Amino acid sequence: MSVRQSLSLVELFRATPAKTALLMIGPLALAAGQLGNSYVNGVSPLVSSAFAVVMLAFAVVATRHHAAEHRRRQLEAETNVDTAFESGISQQR
C-alpha cells in the first residue's frame, strides 16, 4: 500500500531556501510587475492577465517538481542509511 506524504512549504524553504524562493516568489513578482506595468502604460489587461496566469501556473508546477525532487532525495538518503544499517547487522553475524 502506498502512503502519500505531503511536503510542507515551510519544510521546503528550510531545506533549500534560495531555490524555493526563486521558484515561488520570482514568478509571482514577475506576474505582479507585468500587471502593474500594463496598468501604468495602458496595455491591454488581457495580455498581462494571460502572462500572469501562465506565471502562476509555472510557479505551481515548478514548486511541485522541486518538492518531488526534495522528497526523492530524502527517500534515497533513508534507503542508504537503511542499507548501511542492514549490511552492518549482516556483517556482525
C-alpha atoms as a PDB file:
ATOM      1  CA  MET A   1       0.000   0.000   0.000  1.00  0.00           C
ATOM      2  CA  SER A   2       1.364   3.385  -0.975  1.00  0.00           C
ATOM      3  CA  VAL A   3       1.290   6.204   1.532  1.00  0.00           C
ATOM      4  CA  ARG A   4       1.407   9.686   0.066  1.00  0.00           C
ATOM      5  CA  GLN A   5       3.202  12.127   2.321  1.00  0.00           C
ATOM      6  CA  SER A   6       2.653  15.831   1.878  1.00  0.00           C
ATOM      7  CA  LEU A   7       5.673  18.094   1.994  1.00  0.00           C
ATOM      8  CA  SER A   8       5.009  21.442   3.618  1.00  0.00           C
ATOM      9  CA  LEU A   9       6.267  24.651   2.084  1.00  0.00           C
ATOM     10  CA  VAL A  10       7.976  25.528   5.357  1.00  0.00           C
ATOM     11  CA  GLU A  11       9.992  22.305   5.203  1.00  0.00           C
ATOM     12  CA  LEU A  12      10.874  23.032   1.595  1.00  0.00           C
ATOM     13  CA  PHE A  13      12.009  26.568   2.499  1.00  0.00           C
ATOM     14  CA  ARG A  14      14.141  25.212   5.342  1.00  0.00           C
ATOM     15  CA  ALA A  15      15.831  22.648   3.123  1.00  0.00           C
ATOM     16  CA  THR A  16      16.568  24.880   0.122  1.00  0.00           C
ATOM     17  CA  PRO A  17      15.574  28.491   0.766  1.00  0.00           C
ATOM     18  CA  ALA A  18      17.148  30.122  -2.296  1.00  0.00           C
ATOM     19  CA  LYS A  19      15.791  27.672  -4.864  1.00  0.00           C
ATOM     20  CA  THR A  20      12.339  27.628  -3.290  1.00  0.00           C
ATOM     21  CA  ALA A  21      12.176  31.420  -3.207  1.00  0.00           C
ATOM     22  CA  LEU A  22      13.257  31.658  -6.833  1.00  0.00           C
ATOM     23  CA  LEU A  23      10.669  29.115  -7.933  1.00  0.00           C
ATOM     24  CA  MET A  24       7.788  30.544  -5.893  1.00  0.00           C
ATOM     25  CA  ILE A  25       8.354  34.240  -5.359  1.00  0.00           C
ATOM     26  CA  GLY A  26      10.146  35.016  -8.638  1.00  0.00           C
ATOM     27  CA  PRO A  27       7.265  34.136 -10.985  1.00  0.00           C
ATOM     28  CA  LEU A  28       4.744  35.796  -8.660  1.00  0.00           C
ATOM     29  CA  ALA A  29       6.802  39.003  -8.626  1.00  0.00           C
ATOM     30  CA  LEU A  30       7.065  38.912 -12.417  1.00  0.00           C
ATOM     31  CA  ALA A  31       3.299  38.480 -12.730  1.00  0.00           C
ATOM     32  CA  ALA A  32       2.601  41.358 -10.356  1.00  0.00           C
ATOM     33  CA  GLY A  33       5.164  43.531 -12.116  1.00  0.00           C
ATOM     34  CA  GLN A  34       3.652  42.830 -15.512  1.00  0.00           C
ATOM     35  CA  LEU A  35       0.148  43.623 -14.265  1.00  0.00           C
ATOM     36  CA  GLY A  36       1.386  46.895 -12.781  1.00  0.00           C
ATOM     37  CA  ASN A  37       3.349  47.728 -15.927  1.00  0.00           C
ATOM     38  CA  SER A  38       0.344  47.176 -18.161  1.00  0.00           C
ATOM     39  CA  TYR A  39      -1.810  49.372 -15.920  1.00  0.00           C
ATOM     40  CA  VAL A  40       0.722  52.215 -15.915  1.00  0.00           C
ATOM     41  CA  ASN A  41       1.418  52.055 -19.663  1.00  0.00           C
ATOM     42  CA  GLY A  42      -2.146  51.406 -20.794  1.00  0.00           C
ATOM     43  CA  VAL A  43      -1.511  47.982 -22.330  1.00  0.00           C
ATOM     44  CA  SER A  44      -4.458  45.646 -22.770  1.00  0.00           C
ATOM     45  CA  PRO A  45      -5.247  43.862 -19.491  1.00  0.00           C
ATOM     46  CA  LEU A  46      -5.952  40.695 -21.479  1.00  0.00           C
ATOM     47  CA  VAL A  47      -2.298  40.310 -22.453  1.00  0.00           C
ATOM     48  CA  SER A  48      -0.917  40.984 -18.995  1.00  0.00           C
ATOM     49  CA  SER A  49      -3.561  38.804 -17.329  1.00  0.00           C
ATOM     50  CA  ALA A  50      -2.674  35.901 -19.608  1.00  0.00           C
ATOM     51  CA  PHE A  51       1.002  36.364 -18.738  1.00  0.00           C
ATOM     52  CA  ALA A  52       0.152  36.444 -15.026  1.00  0.00           C
ATOM     53  CA  VAL A  53      -1.869  33.221 -15.281  1.00  0.00           C
ATOM     54  CA  VAL A  54       0.981  31.473 -17.112  1.00  0.00           C
ATOM     55  CA  MET A  55       3.488  32.639 -14.498  1.00  0.00           C
ATOM     56  CA  LEU A  56       1.248  31.424 -11.664  1.00  0.00           C
ATOM     57  CA  ALA A  57       0.900  28.032 -13.357  1.00  0.00           C
ATOM     58  CA  PHE A  58       4.666  27.883 -13.812  1.00  0.00           C
ATOM     59  CA  ALA A  59       5.205  28.663 -10.119  1.00  0.00           C
ATOM     60  CA  VAL A  60       2.848  25.849  -9.094  1.00  0.00           C
ATOM     61  CA  VAL A  61       4.375  23.264 -11.431  1.00  0.00           C
ATOM     62  CA  ALA A  62       7.966  24.237 -10.628  1.00  0.00           C
ATOM     63  CA  THR A  63       7.324  24.168  -6.874  1.00  0.00           C
ATOM     64  CA  ARG A  64       5.670  20.750  -7.100  1.00  0.00           C
ATOM     65  CA  HIS A  65       8.598  19.439  -9.118  1.00  0.00           C
ATOM     66  CA  HIS A  66      11.038  20.868  -6.584  1.00  0.00           C
ATOM     67  CA  ALA A  67       9.087  19.259  -3.724  1.00  0.00           C
ATOM     68  CA  ALA A  68       9.117  15.888  -5.506  1.00  0.00           C
ATOM     69  CA  GLU A  69      12.846  16.206  -6.118  1.00  0.00           C
ATOM     70  CA  HIS A  70      13.435  17.027  -2.446  1.00  0.00           C
ATOM     71  CA  ARG A  71      11.294  14.092  -1.320  1.00  0.00           C
ATOM     72  CA  ARG A  72      13.185  11.747  -3.661  1.00  0.00           C
ATOM     73  CA  ARG A  73      16.494  12.885  -2.167  1.00  0.00           C
ATOM     74  CA  GLN A  74      15.122  12.245   1.332  1.00  0.00           C
ATOM     75  CA  LEU A  75      13.967   8.755   0.385  1.00  0.00           C
ATOM     76  CA  GLU A  76      17.311   7.931  -1.206  1.00  0.00           C
ATOM     77  CA  ALA A  77      19.118   9.115   1.931  1.00  0.00           C
ATOM     78  CA  GLU A  78      16.833   6.987   4.120  1.00  0.00           C
ATOM     79  CA  THR A  79      17.383   3.990   1.856  1.00  0.00           C
ATOM     80  CA  ASN A  80      21.141   4.420   2.009  1.00  0.00           C
ATOM     81  CA  VAL A  81      21.022   4.604   5.814  1.00  0.00           C
ATOM     82  CA  ASP A  82      18.793   1.505   5.981  1.00  0.00           C
ATOM     83  CA  THR A  83      21.063  -0.382   3.596  1.00  0.00           C
ATOM     84  CA  ALA A  84      24.164   0.553   5.594  1.00  0.00           C
ATOM     85  CA  PHE A  85      22.427  -0.482   8.814  1.00  0.00           C
ATOM     86  CA  GLU A  86      21.355  -3.834   7.354  1.00  0.00           C
ATOM     87  CA  SER A  87      24.808  -4.549   5.945  1.00  0.00           C
ATOM     88  CA  GLY A  88      26.304  -3.753   9.376  1.00  0.00           C
ATOM     89  CA  ILE A  89      23.967  -6.259  11.016  1.00  0.00           C
ATOM     90  CA  SER A  90      24.737  -8.967   8.455  1.00  0.00           C
ATOM     91  CA  GLN A  91      28.490  -8.431   8.915  1.00  0.00           C
ATOM     92  CA  GLN A  92      28.185  -8.901  12.682  1.00  0.00           C
ATOM     93  CA  ARG A  93      26.687 -12.387  12.255  1.00  0.00           C
END
